[in-house]
């Protein structure tokens, strides 16, 4: 990795603290919305009459506004202060979640889920974009991995949380599932309020940096981006929307994200087939997420050191594909459990690496923010797919087959992207040699984004 003089633990703690406080409740809430997860334990299925495909529909409607709101959110983040916009998103999300404890009908649940998706939309793309404003391209995968691994660790304890909340049934006149909504909302609002005081905006204004550190970091980021534009202009939004490479990255990401949702979906059923008690079954849901977390950080570090993204995405997708093949072909619960662990270990690390890849290959602040939001936003439409493909327990042949198709798509598109980026890099190098274009002329191409002849794509 390139030497980055940014004191990580002056910048990252607030992000990690926010996620560590929010995601255990957040993952518990998402599991409540899974047809084969812990919802039936918490009693929401019976209380809200979630029969047939009602569970699936309630899970799916979340992703509609969640996907559509991410691009506008990242544009607002660029125009507004990150230290105000990200906590504001969290406050709104926390308020909606708290009020969800008052839901008493299926129709009310659908409305609440739609608004939850709208308010939650900006967090993941916002923090990913925020990291890209602080670190050069070669050093982002590990930081995004730390961010994403907080969610993965929370997933490890989501089952334990669900088991504990079951014991709150009837407390205060609320069901267990109502308590998880209430607790998540309140904790989110408390943490969001503290974030107003602890988050920093940009290196240019961060109070924890010395003047020498500030000058070094700003210069490093300027050189890393080839001094491309940092101001807002709608033409940079259009650059992102019209670039075919954006949609290649969306295809790669959606093929990786659907399996991530699927792992949370089918793991509880596989564990229940092992015949353990409720408490022990909840504990057995921990290893796939813990293993995925460890591998996420390790792969992020290795990807940064080697300055490579595509090979790590491809390798992780192949490992996960092997895990799903085991799940598809083996009927033994122990073999299925091993396949679930393998699937998680393979696909979880690819999310952080792919987001670092997509962001690194979008030139200019605004285009990068829009590309990240488009990749995450449209990629999350895959959540709708994962909500409806797992309909044939306990083997889930249709679901596993669909996931293998998505992983194969990611592998194919990643190979194409590496070839295409390398092709364009060679063409730019030839153009620079032919016309004598050197870095001293970078200001001439300031508004061109990654079309600048001096910009080189990461493979």
Protein backbone atom coordinates (compact mmCIF):
# COMPACT_ATOMS: atom_id res chain seq x y z
CA UNK A 1 0.00 0.00 0.00
CA UNK A 2 1.12 3.56 -0.55
CA UNK A 3 2.09 5.46 2.60
CA UNK A 4 -1.02 7.29 3.76
CA UNK A 5 -0.32 9.89 6.46
CA UNK A 6 -3.97 9.98 7.59
CA UNK A 7 -4.27 8.82 11.23
CA UNK A 8 -6.88 6.11 10.61
CA UNK A 9 -8.00 5.99 14.19
CA UNK A 10 -8.78 9.67 14.22
CA UNK A 11 -11.14 9.22 11.26
CA UNK A 12 -12.52 5.67 11.34
CA UNK A 13 -13.64 5.30 14.99
CA UNK A 14 -16.82 7.33 14.56
CA UNK A 15 -17.81 5.29 11.48
CA UNK A 16 -17.05 2.02 13.26
CA UNK A 17 -18.76 3.20 16.45
CA UNK A 18 -21.90 4.11 14.51
CA UNK A 19 -21.99 0.73 12.81
CA UNK A 20 -21.09 -1.27 15.90
CA UNK A 21 -23.98 0.35 17.75
CA UNK A 22 -26.52 0.16 14.93
CA UNK A 23 -25.91 -3.02 12.98
CA UNK A 24 -26.61 -5.66 15.66
CA UNK A 25 -30.15 -4.25 15.82
CA UNK A 26 -30.20 -3.62 12.07
CA UNK A 27 -29.32 -7.22 11.22
CA UNK A 28 -31.80 -8.48 13.78
CA UNK A 29 -34.47 -6.39 12.05
CA UNK A 30 -33.52 -7.71 8.61
CA UNK A 31 -33.73 -11.27 9.91
CA UNK A 32 -37.21 -10.52 11.11
CA UNK A 33 -38.09 -9.85 7.49
CA UNK A 34 -36.70 -13.18 6.21
CA UNK A 35 -39.28 -15.89 5.44
CA UNK A 36 -37.13 -18.69 6.85
CA UNK A 37 -35.32 -16.65 9.50
CA UNK A 38 -36.20 -15.69 13.04
CA UNK A 39 -39.45 -13.85 12.32
CA UNK A 40 -41.64 -16.78 13.21
CA UNK A 41 -39.77 -17.11 16.51
CA UNK A 42 -40.42 -13.46 17.29
CA UNK A 43 -44.12 -13.90 16.44
CA UNK A 44 -44.51 -11.29 13.72
CA UNK A 45 -45.84 -13.84 11.22
CA UNK A 46 -48.85 -14.69 13.35
CA UNK A 47 -49.46 -11.17 14.69
CA UNK A 48 -49.54 -9.51 11.26
CA UNK A 49 -51.02 -12.49 9.38
CA UNK A 50 -48.02 -12.78 7.06
CA UNK A 51 -49.19 -15.75 5.04
CA UNK A 52 -48.26 -16.84 1.51
CA UNK A 53 -45.98 -14.34 -0.19
CA UNK A 54 -46.71 -11.52 2.24
CA UNK A 55 -43.33 -12.00 3.96
CA UNK A 56 -41.54 -11.87 0.65
CA UNK A 57 -43.43 -8.76 -0.44
CA UNK A 58 -42.70 -6.98 2.83
CA UNK A 59 -39.02 -7.79 2.41
CA UNK A 60 -38.99 -6.65 -1.22
CA UNK A 61 -40.77 -3.27 -0.99
CA UNK A 62 -37.93 -1.98 1.15
CA UNK A 63 -35.58 -1.99 -1.84
CA UNK A 64 -37.65 0.17 -4.21
CA UNK A 65 -37.03 3.64 -2.75
CA UNK A 66 -33.84 2.38 -1.11
CA UNK A 67 -32.35 1.89 -4.57
CA UNK A 68 -33.77 5.04 -6.17
CA UNK A 69 -32.76 7.44 -3.38
CA UNK A 70 -29.06 6.63 -3.25
CA UNK A 71 -27.87 8.80 -6.15
CA UNK A 72 -29.70 11.94 -4.93
CA UNK A 73 -28.37 11.27 -1.43
CA UNK A 74 -24.73 11.17 -2.54
CA UNK A 75 -25.21 14.36 -4.57
CA UNK A 76 -26.63 16.07 -1.48
CA UNK A 77 -23.71 14.75 0.56
CA UNK A 78 -21.33 16.44 -1.89
CA UNK A 79 -23.27 19.72 -1.74
CA UNK A 80 -23.86 19.49 2.00
CA UNK A 81 -21.47 18.61 4.86
CA UNK A 82 -20.91 14.85 5.37
CA UNK A 83 -20.80 15.36 9.14
CA UNK A 84 -24.35 16.71 8.96
CA UNK A 85 -25.93 14.68 6.17
CA UNK A 86 -24.91 11.18 7.33
CA UNK A 87 -26.11 11.69 10.94
CA UNK A 88 -29.29 13.30 9.60
CA UNK A 89 -29.97 10.19 7.52
CA UNK A 90 -29.49 8.07 10.61
CA UNK A 91 -31.85 10.21 12.68
CA UNK A 92 -34.59 9.88 10.08
CA UNK A 93 -34.01 6.14 9.77
CA UNK A 94 -34.05 5.75 13.55
CA UNK A 95 -37.32 7.65 13.87
CA UNK A 96 -39.05 5.48 11.24
CA UNK A 97 -37.72 2.33 12.89
CA UNK A 98 -38.90 3.41 16.33
CA UNK A 99 -42.39 4.10 15.01
CA UNK A 100 -42.49 0.66 13.39
CA UNK A 101 -43.12 -0.80 16.84
CA UNK A 102 -46.62 0.68 16.46
CA UNK A 103 -47.41 -1.33 13.31
CA UNK A 104 -50.40 -3.65 13.78
CA UNK A 105 -51.38 -4.61 10.21
CA UNK A 106 -49.75 -6.02 7.09
CA UNK A 107 -50.62 -2.85 5.15
CA UNK A 108 -48.99 -0.71 7.84
CA UNK A 109 -45.87 -2.85 7.65
CA UNK A 110 -45.61 -2.31 3.89
CA UNK A 111 -45.87 1.48 4.26
CA UNK A 112 -43.32 1.51 7.07
CA UNK A 113 -40.89 -0.64 5.05
CA UNK A 114 -41.12 1.73 2.08
CA UNK A 115 -40.26 4.73 4.24
CA UNK A 116 -37.53 2.79 6.00
CA UNK A 117 -35.90 2.10 2.64
CA UNK A 118 -36.13 5.78 1.72
CA UNK A 119 -34.51 7.03 4.93
CA UNK A 120 -31.85 4.33 5.13
CA UNK A 121 -30.79 4.63 1.49
CA UNK A 122 -27.95 7.11 1.86
CA UNK A 123 -25.91 5.43 4.61
CA UNK A 124 -23.92 2.71 2.81
CA UNK A 125 -23.16 4.66 -0.40
CA UNK A 126 -22.61 7.81 1.65
CA UNK A 127 -19.97 6.30 3.92
CA UNK A 128 -18.31 4.53 0.96
CA UNK A 129 -18.14 7.85 -0.90
CA UNK A 130 -16.97 9.60 2.28
CA UNK A 131 -14.02 7.18 2.56
CA UNK A 132 -13.08 7.92 -1.06
CA UNK A 133 -12.78 11.62 -0.21
CA UNK A 134 -10.07 10.84 2.36
CA UNK A 135 -7.97 8.05 0.86
CA UNK A 136 -6.18 7.53 -2.48
CA UNK A 137 -7.49 4.83 -4.78
CA UNK A 138 -4.95 2.18 -3.80
CA UNK A 139 -5.82 2.40 -0.09
CA UNK A 140 -9.61 2.25 -0.01
CA UNK A 141 -10.42 -1.47 -0.07
CA UNK A 142 -9.18 -2.11 3.47
CA UNK A 143 -11.10 0.89 4.85
CA UNK A 144 -14.31 -0.10 3.07
CA UNK A 145 -13.69 -3.65 4.32
CA UNK A 146 -13.55 -2.39 7.91
CA UNK A 147 -16.80 -0.56 7.32
CA UNK A 148 -18.52 -3.56 5.71
CA UNK A 149 -17.12 -6.04 8.24
CA UNK A 150 -18.98 -4.17 11.00
CA UNK A 151 -22.20 -5.31 9.31
CA UNK A 152 -20.78 -8.82 8.91
CA UNK A 153 -19.87 -9.06 12.59
CA UNK A 154 -23.35 -7.84 13.47
CA UNK A 155 -24.76 -10.61 11.32
CA UNK A 156 -22.86 -13.07 13.47
CA UNK A 157 -24.79 -11.95 16.52
CA UNK A 158 -28.14 -11.30 14.85
CA UNK A 159 -29.36 -14.76 15.76
CA UNK A 160 -28.31 -14.36 19.39
CA UNK A 161 -30.07 -11.01 19.49
CA UNK A 162 -33.24 -12.57 18.11
CA UNK A 163 -33.11 -15.25 20.78
CA UNK A 164 -32.72 -12.61 23.54
CA UNK A 165 -35.57 -10.51 22.17
CA UNK A 166 -37.85 -13.54 22.22
CA UNK A 167 -37.60 -13.32 26.01
CA UNK A 168 -39.04 -9.77 25.91
CA UNK A 169 -42.38 -10.98 24.61
CA UNK A 170 -45.15 -9.12 26.44
CA UNK A 171 -42.90 -6.60 28.19
CA UNK A 172 -44.62 -3.21 28.13
CA UNK A 173 -47.49 -4.72 26.20
CA UNK A 174 -45.28 -5.21 23.11
CA UNK A 175 -44.39 -8.35 21.19
CA UNK A 176 -40.76 -9.38 20.76
CA UNK A 177 -40.64 -8.23 17.15
CA UNK A 178 -42.00 -4.82 18.16
CA UNK A 179 -39.22 -4.47 20.71
CA UNK A 180 -36.53 -5.05 18.10
CA UNK A 181 -37.94 -2.20 16.00
CA UNK A 182 -38.15 0.06 19.03
CA UNK A 183 -34.65 -0.74 20.31
CA UNK A 184 -33.00 -0.37 16.92
CA UNK A 185 -34.66 2.98 16.35
CA UNK A 186 -33.73 4.40 19.75
CA UNK A 187 -30.11 3.21 19.59
CA UNK A 188 -29.74 4.58 16.06
CA UNK A 189 -31.04 7.99 17.09
CA UNK A 190 -28.70 8.18 20.09
CA UNK A 191 -25.64 7.23 18.03
CA UNK A 192 -26.66 9.61 15.22
CA UNK A 193 -26.88 12.48 17.68
CA UNK A 194 -23.32 11.83 18.89
CA UNK A 195 -22.07 11.61 15.29
CA UNK A 196 -22.90 15.29 14.80
CA UNK A 197 -20.05 16.09 17.20
CA UNK A 198 -17.44 13.48 16.22
CA UNK A 199 -17.49 13.21 12.41
CA UNK A 200 -15.11 15.23 10.26
CA UNK A 201 -15.94 16.61 6.83
CA UNK A 202 -12.85 16.82 4.60
CA UNK A 203 -9.05 16.76 5.00
CA UNK A 204 -9.02 20.48 4.22
CA UNK A 205 -11.06 21.26 7.35
CA UNK A 206 -10.30 18.37 9.76
CA UNK A 207 -9.19 19.74 13.13
CA UNK A 208 -7.21 16.62 14.12
CA UNK A 209 -4.70 17.17 11.28
CA UNK A 210 -1.62 19.34 11.64
CA UNK A 211 -0.94 21.86 8.90
CA UNK A 212 1.86 19.67 7.56
CA UNK A 213 -0.39 16.58 7.53
CA UNK A 214 -3.17 18.54 5.86
CA UNK A 215 -0.86 19.82 3.11
CA UNK A 216 0.56 16.33 2.52
CA UNK A 217 -2.83 14.60 2.39
CA UNK A 218 -4.45 17.19 0.13
CA UNK A 219 -1.48 17.01 -2.24
CA UNK A 220 -1.54 13.21 -2.22
CA UNK A 221 -5.25 13.10 -3.08
CA UNK A 222 -4.83 15.75 -5.77
CA UNK A 223 -2.04 13.80 -7.47
CA UNK A 224 -3.89 10.50 -7.10
CA UNK A 225 -6.94 11.93 -8.87
CA UNK A 226 -4.86 13.69 -11.55
CA UNK A 227 -6.31 16.96 -10.22
CA UNK A 228 -9.72 16.13 -11.67
CA UNK A 229 -12.68 18.35 -10.80
CA UNK A 230 -13.98 18.37 -7.24
CA UNK A 231 -16.81 20.90 -7.69
CA UNK A 232 -20.42 20.04 -8.50
CA UNK A 233 -21.71 20.34 -12.04
CA UNK A 234 -24.60 18.36 -13.52
CA UNK A 235 -22.44 17.35 -16.47
CA UNK A 236 -20.46 15.14 -14.09
CA UNK A 237 -23.69 13.36 -13.12
CA UNK A 238 -24.33 12.76 -16.82
CA UNK A 239 -20.79 11.42 -17.24
CA UNK A 240 -21.63 8.70 -14.72
CA UNK A 241 -25.05 7.89 -16.15
CA UNK A 242 -23.86 7.69 -19.76
CA UNK A 243 -20.73 5.62 -19.08
CA UNK A 244 -21.20 1.95 -20.03
CA UNK A 245 -18.51 1.01 -17.49
CA UNK A 246 -20.84 2.13 -14.72
CA UNK A 247 -23.38 -0.48 -15.77
CA UNK A 248 -20.72 -3.18 -16.03
CA UNK A 249 -19.85 -2.46 -12.39
CA UNK A 250 -23.55 -2.54 -11.46
CA UNK A 251 -23.82 -6.00 -13.03
CA UNK A 252 -20.78 -7.21 -11.10
CA UNK A 253 -22.11 -5.83 -7.82
CA UNK A 254 -25.65 -7.16 -8.12
CA UNK A 255 -24.25 -10.61 -8.88
CA UNK A 256 -22.31 -10.46 -5.61
CA UNK A 257 -24.94 -8.84 -3.41
CA UNK A 258 -27.78 -11.29 -4.13
CA UNK A 259 -25.72 -14.16 -2.61
CA UNK A 260 -24.98 -12.01 0.46
CA UNK A 261 -28.71 -11.58 1.09
CA UNK A 262 -29.28 -15.25 0.36
CA UNK A 263 -26.79 -16.42 3.00
CA UNK A 264 -28.79 -14.63 5.69
CA UNK A 265 -31.95 -16.09 4.18
CA UNK A 266 -31.21 -19.81 4.16
CA UNK A 267 -28.66 -20.20 7.00
CA UNK A 268 -31.32 -20.38 9.79
CA UNK A 269 -33.13 -23.21 7.99
CA UNK A 270 -29.92 -25.20 7.46
CA UNK A 271 -29.03 -24.86 11.13
CA UNK A 272 -32.50 -25.90 12.24
CA UNK A 273 -32.02 -29.13 10.27
CA UNK A 274 -29.04 -30.02 12.48
CA UNK A 275 -31.42 -30.80 15.35
CA UNK A 276 -29.93 -28.50 17.99
CA UNK A 277 -31.83 -26.58 20.65
CA UNK A 278 -32.89 -23.03 19.87
CA UNK A 279 -30.01 -21.45 21.80
CA UNK A 280 -27.37 -23.72 20.25
CA UNK A 281 -28.84 -23.24 16.79
CA UNK A 282 -28.56 -19.47 17.22
CA UNK A 283 -24.92 -19.87 18.24
CA UNK A 284 -24.23 -21.98 15.14
CA UNK A 285 -25.33 -19.05 12.98
CA UNK A 286 -22.23 -17.16 14.16
CA UNK A 287 -19.33 -18.95 12.34
CA UNK A 288 -20.32 -18.12 8.73
CA UNK A 289 -20.48 -14.41 9.53
CA UNK A 290 -17.32 -14.38 11.66
CA UNK A 291 -15.38 -16.23 8.95
CA UNK A 292 -16.74 -13.81 6.36
CA UNK A 293 -15.67 -10.83 8.49
CA UNK A 294 -12.10 -12.06 8.96
CA UNK A 295 -11.72 -12.81 5.25
CA UNK A 296 -13.24 -9.44 4.31
CA UNK A 297 -10.52 -7.52 6.15
CA UNK A 298 -7.68 -9.83 5.04
CA UNK A 299 -8.71 -9.68 1.40
CA UNK A 300 -9.10 -5.89 1.62
CA UNK A 301 -5.54 -5.57 2.92
CA UNK A 302 -4.11 -7.88 0.25
CA UNK A 303 -6.05 -6.11 -2.50
CA UNK A 304 -4.63 -2.74 -1.42
CA UNK A 305 -1.08 -4.08 -1.18
CA UNK A 306 -1.20 -5.53 -4.69
CA UNK A 307 -3.32 -2.66 -6.07
CA UNK A 308 -5.58 -5.20 -7.76
CA UNK A 309 -9.36 -5.52 -7.55
CA UNK A 310 -10.69 -7.73 -10.35
CA UNK A 311 -8.72 -10.90 -9.51
CA UNK A 312 -9.94 -10.78 -5.91
CA UNK A 313 -13.55 -10.33 -7.00
CA UNK A 314 -13.27 -13.27 -9.40
CA UNK A 315 -11.51 -15.53 -6.87
CA UNK A 316 -14.04 -14.76 -4.13
CA UNK A 317 -16.98 -15.37 -6.44
CA UNK A 318 -15.51 -18.74 -7.48
CA UNK A 319 -15.07 -19.81 -3.85
CA UNK A 320 -18.65 -18.81 -3.09
CA UNK A 321 -19.84 -20.63 -6.21
CA UNK A 322 -18.22 -23.83 -4.91
CA UNK A 323 -20.08 -23.32 -1.62
CA UNK A 324 -23.40 -23.01 -3.42
CA UNK A 325 -22.62 -26.11 -5.48
CA UNK A 326 -22.21 -27.99 -2.20
CA UNK A 327 -25.53 -26.60 -0.99
CA UNK A 328 -27.23 -27.57 -4.24
CA UNK A 329 -25.90 -31.12 -4.44
CA UNK A 330 -25.58 -32.27 -0.81
CA UNK A 331 -28.53 -33.21 1.40
CA UNK A 332 -26.57 -33.76 4.61
CA UNK A 333 -27.13 -30.87 7.08
CA UNK A 334 -23.44 -30.88 8.09
CA UNK A 335 -22.31 -30.68 4.45
CA UNK A 336 -24.87 -27.94 3.80
CA UNK A 337 -23.58 -26.02 6.79
CA UNK A 338 -20.01 -26.30 5.47
CA UNK A 339 -21.26 -25.06 2.10
CA UNK A 340 -22.88 -22.05 3.78
CA UNK A 341 -19.60 -21.17 5.51
CA UNK A 342 -17.72 -21.53 2.23
CA UNK A 343 -20.27 -19.36 0.42
CA UNK A 344 -19.90 -16.62 3.04
CA UNK A 345 -16.10 -16.75 3.11
CA UNK A 346 -16.04 -16.35 -0.67
CA UNK A 347 -18.61 -13.64 -1.35
CA UNK A 348 -18.44 -11.35 1.69
CA UNK A 349 -14.91 -10.00 0.90
CA UNK A 350 -15.86 -9.22 -2.71
CA UNK A 351 -18.31 -6.46 -1.70
CA UNK A 352 -15.67 -4.12 -0.26
CA UNK A 353 -13.18 -4.85 -3.06
CA UNK A 354 -15.76 -4.28 -5.79
CA UNK A 355 -16.90 -0.97 -4.30
CA UNK A 356 -13.27 0.16 -4.08
CA UNK A 357 -12.88 -0.92 -7.72
CA UNK A 358 -15.95 0.95 -8.94
CA UNK A 359 -15.00 4.11 -7.06
CA UNK A 360 -11.36 4.01 -8.14
CA UNK A 361 -12.30 3.89 -11.83
CA UNK A 362 -14.67 6.87 -11.73
CA UNK A 363 -12.73 10.10 -12.25
CA UNK A 364 -13.74 13.27 -10.39
CA UNK A 365 -15.51 13.67 -7.06
CA UNK A 366 -19.06 14.06 -8.35
CA UNK A 367 -18.87 11.27 -10.92
CA UNK A 368 -17.34 8.96 -8.32
CA UNK A 369 -20.13 9.71 -5.84
CA UNK A 370 -22.82 9.09 -8.46
CA UNK A 371 -21.18 5.87 -9.70
CA UNK A 372 -20.87 4.49 -6.16
CA UNK A 373 -24.53 5.33 -5.49
CA UNK A 374 -25.68 3.79 -8.77
CA UNK A 375 -23.71 0.61 -8.16
CA UNK A 376 -25.00 0.19 -4.61
CA UNK A 377 -28.51 1.46 -5.37
CA UNK A 378 -29.28 -0.55 -8.50
CA UNK A 379 -27.32 -3.48 -7.10
CA UNK A 380 -29.62 -3.57 -4.11
CA UNK A 381 -32.53 -4.28 -6.41
CA UNK A 382 -31.10 -7.77 -6.18
CA UNK A 383 -32.65 -7.85 -2.74
CA UNK A 384 -36.01 -8.14 -4.46
CA UNK A 385 -34.73 -11.20 -6.29
CA UNK A 386 -33.43 -12.87 -3.13
CA UNK A 387 -36.80 -12.22 -1.47
CA UNK A 388 -38.63 -14.40 -3.99
CA UNK A 389 -36.25 -17.17 -5.13
CA UNK A 390 -36.04 -19.07 -1.83
CA UNK A 391 -39.48 -20.68 -1.89
CA UNK A 392 -38.72 -24.43 -1.77
CA UNK A 393 -37.20 -25.37 1.63
CA UNK A 394 -35.26 -27.17 2.87
CA UNK A 395 -33.10 -27.86 -0.25
CA UNK A 396 -33.79 -24.52 -1.99
CA UNK A 397 -32.74 -25.81 -5.42
CA UNK A 398 -34.37 -22.90 -7.25
CA UNK A 399 -32.75 -20.34 -4.96
CA UNK A 400 -29.29 -21.89 -5.03
CA UNK A 401 -29.46 -22.28 -8.80
CA UNK A 402 -30.38 -18.62 -9.21
CA UNK A 403 -27.51 -17.56 -6.93
CA UNK A 404 -25.03 -19.61 -8.93
CA UNK A 405 -26.25 -17.81 -12.03
CA UNK A 406 -25.68 -14.41 -10.40
CA UNK A 407 -22.16 -15.37 -9.28
CA UNK A 408 -21.34 -16.59 -12.77
CA UNK A 409 -22.51 -13.25 -14.15
CA UNK A 410 -20.15 -11.41 -11.78
CA UNK A 411 -17.22 -13.59 -12.82
CA UNK A 412 -17.87 -13.05 -16.53
CA UNK A 413 -18.35 -9.27 -16.18
CA UNK A 414 -15.24 -8.95 -13.98
CA UNK A 415 -13.14 -10.68 -16.62
CA UNK A 416 -14.59 -8.36 -19.26
CA UNK A 417 -13.99 -5.28 -17.07
CA UNK A 418 -10.33 -6.17 -16.50
CA UNK A 419 -9.81 -6.71 -20.22
CA UNK A 420 -11.59 -3.46 -21.08
CA UNK A 421 -9.76 -1.35 -18.50
CA UNK A 422 -6.43 -2.74 -19.69
CA UNK A 423 -7.37 -2.03 -23.32
CA UNK A 424 -8.24 1.59 -22.55
CA UNK A 425 -5.07 2.07 -20.45
CA UNK A 426 -2.90 0.90 -23.36
CA UNK A 427 -4.73 3.23 -25.72
CA UNK A 428 -4.20 6.20 -23.40
CA UNK A 429 -0.52 5.41 -22.96
CA UNK A 430 -0.07 5.33 -26.72
CA UNK A 431 -1.92 8.66 -27.04
CA UNK A 432 0.26 10.28 -24.36
CA UNK A 433 3.44 9.11 -26.09
CA UNK A 434 2.21 10.24 -29.50
CA UNK A 435 1.17 13.74 -28.37
CA UNK A 436 3.69 14.29 -25.59
CA UNK A 437 1.05 14.53 -22.86
CA UNK A 438 2.63 14.60 -19.39
CA UNK A 439 1.35 15.25 -15.87
CA UNK A 440 2.29 18.92 -16.07
CA UNK A 441 -0.71 19.31 -18.41
CA UNK A 442 -3.24 17.67 -16.06
CA UNK A 443 -5.17 20.93 -15.58
CA UNK A 444 -6.13 20.86 -19.28
CA UNK A 445 -8.19 17.71 -18.66
CA UNK A 446 -9.69 18.67 -15.29
CA UNK A 447 -13.34 18.30 -16.36
CA UNK A 448 -12.91 15.12 -18.43
CA UNK A 449 -13.20 12.68 -15.53
CA UNK A 450 -11.68 9.27 -16.18
CA UNK A 451 -11.70 10.06 -19.93
CA UNK A 452 -8.61 12.17 -19.24
CA UNK A 453 -5.62 10.72 -21.13
CA UNK A 454 -3.65 10.86 -17.88
CA UNK A 455 -6.16 8.78 -15.90
CA UNK A 456 -5.36 5.08 -15.56
CA UNK A 457 -7.92 2.46 -14.59
CA UNK A 458 -7.29 -0.03 -11.80
CA UNK A 459 -7.52 -3.68 -12.86
